[in-house]
Amino acid sequence: MTKSCYLALAGFALSAVAANAATDNPARELVNKYCVSCHNEKLKTAGLALDRADANSPVNSQETWEKVIVKLRSRAMPPPKLPRPDNATYDTVAAYLES
């Protein structure tokens, strides 16, 4: 195998790992499903954009994720009449962000 083939395979493997990490992240999954339609860089509903907040290292977006934890723990979001996660999901994501 040539050097360029190894580099291509390594790049593919890294992108696959990154994609898998993004989908295995409970905070990112919840935010993508329930939150980013309103809380994104374009709309910034309530001054909050979650589409680019670092869910893999919440400490990098600490202020943002602290706001999310408060809303999750109080079950305040998403607003009534919109699809909502079950109680276990609320608790799992809040615990992930708190840890």
Protein backbone atom coordinates (compact mmCIF):
# COMPACT_ATOMS: atom_id res chain seq x y z
CA MET A 1 0.00 0.00 0.00
CA THR A 2 1.29 3.46 -0.83
CA LYS A 3 1.81 6.28 1.63
CA SER A 4 -1.12 8.20 0.15
CA CYS A 5 -3.40 5.17 0.63
CA TYR A 6 -2.40 4.96 4.30
CA LEU A 7 -3.05 8.66 4.73
CA ALA A 8 -6.45 8.36 3.06
CA LEU A 9 -7.38 5.41 5.29
CA ALA A 10 -6.19 7.25 8.38
CA GLY A 11 -8.26 10.31 7.42
CA PHE A 12 -11.32 8.15 6.83
CA ALA A 13 -10.86 6.41 10.17
CA LEU A 14 -10.52 9.72 12.03
CA SER A 15 -13.62 11.17 10.38
CA ALA A 16 -15.57 8.01 11.23
CA VAL A 17 -14.47 8.24 14.86
CA ALA A 18 -15.41 11.93 15.00
CA ALA A 19 -18.82 11.28 13.44
CA ASN A 20 -19.47 8.43 15.86
CA ALA A 21 -18.42 10.56 18.84
CA ALA A 22 -20.85 13.27 17.77
CA THR A 23 -23.75 10.83 17.53
CA ASP A 24 -22.83 9.06 20.79
CA ASN A 25 -22.92 12.32 22.72
CA PRO A 26 -26.21 12.53 24.64
CA ALA A 27 -26.11 16.32 24.90
CA ARG A 28 -25.51 16.82 21.18
CA GLU A 29 -28.24 14.31 20.30
CA LEU A 30 -30.79 16.04 22.54
CA VAL A 31 -29.83 19.53 21.38
CA ASN A 32 -29.96 18.56 17.71
CA LYS A 33 -33.35 16.89 18.13
CA TYR A 34 -35.13 19.35 20.42
CA CYS A 35 -33.27 22.66 20.64
CA VAL A 36 -31.33 23.90 17.62
CA SER A 37 -34.37 24.73 15.53
CA CYS A 38 -34.80 27.77 17.81
CA HIS A 39 -31.47 28.09 19.61
CA ASN A 40 -29.02 28.45 16.73
CA GLU A 41 -26.53 31.03 15.47
CA LYS A 42 -29.12 32.52 13.13
CA LEU A 43 -32.10 32.91 15.47
CA LYS A 44 -30.41 32.98 18.89
CA THR A 45 -33.77 32.65 20.63
CA ALA A 46 -33.43 33.98 24.19
CA GLY A 47 -29.83 34.88 23.31
CA LEU A 48 -28.85 31.22 23.19
CA ALA A 49 -27.14 29.42 20.29
CA LEU A 50 -26.55 25.70 20.81
CA ASP A 51 -25.65 24.55 17.32
CA ARG A 52 -21.95 25.34 17.82
CA ALA A 53 -21.63 24.82 21.57
CA ASP A 54 -18.98 22.20 22.36
CA ALA A 55 -20.92 19.18 23.60
CA ASN A 56 -17.87 16.91 23.69
CA SER A 57 -16.11 19.19 26.18
CA PRO A 58 -18.88 21.15 27.90
CA VAL A 59 -16.33 23.07 29.96
CA ASN A 60 -15.39 24.89 26.74
CA SER A 61 -18.92 26.36 26.62
CA GLN A 62 -19.56 26.29 30.33
CA GLU A 63 -21.92 29.26 30.58
CA THR A 64 -24.07 27.95 27.75
CA TRP A 65 -24.31 24.42 29.12
CA GLU A 66 -25.11 25.68 32.62
CA LYS A 67 -28.19 27.39 31.14
CA VAL A 68 -29.13 24.14 29.43
CA ILE A 69 -28.75 22.15 32.66
CA VAL A 70 -31.13 24.53 34.48
CA LYS A 71 -33.72 24.12 31.72
CA LEU A 72 -33.29 20.34 31.65
CA ARG A 73 -33.53 19.90 35.43
CA SER A 74 -36.66 22.09 35.59
CA ARG A 75 -38.15 20.47 32.46
CA ALA A 76 -38.69 24.02 31.15
CA MET A 77 -37.66 23.28 27.58
CA PRO A 78 -38.77 22.56 24.97
CA PRO A 79 -41.86 24.73 25.38
CA PRO A 80 -45.25 23.09 25.94
CA LYS A 81 -46.91 21.59 22.86
CA LEU A 82 -43.54 20.80 21.23
CA PRO A 83 -42.00 17.32 21.27
CA ARG A 84 -40.15 16.67 24.52
CA PRO A 85 -37.65 14.07 25.70
CA ASP A 86 -38.69 11.52 28.30
CA ASN A 87 -37.65 12.03 31.93
CA ALA A 88 -34.75 9.58 31.68
CA THR A 89 -33.29 11.54 28.76
CA TYR A 90 -33.59 14.83 30.64
CA ASP A 91 -31.73 13.32 33.58
CA THR A 92 -29.10 11.51 31.48
CA VAL A 93 -28.17 14.63 29.54
CA ALA A 94 -28.12 16.87 32.60
CA ALA A 95 -25.89 14.37 34.43
CA TYR A 96 -23.56 14.13 31.40
CA LEU A 97 -23.22 17.92 31.26
CA GLU A 98 -22.72 18.21 35.02
CA SER A 99 -19.95 15.62 35.02
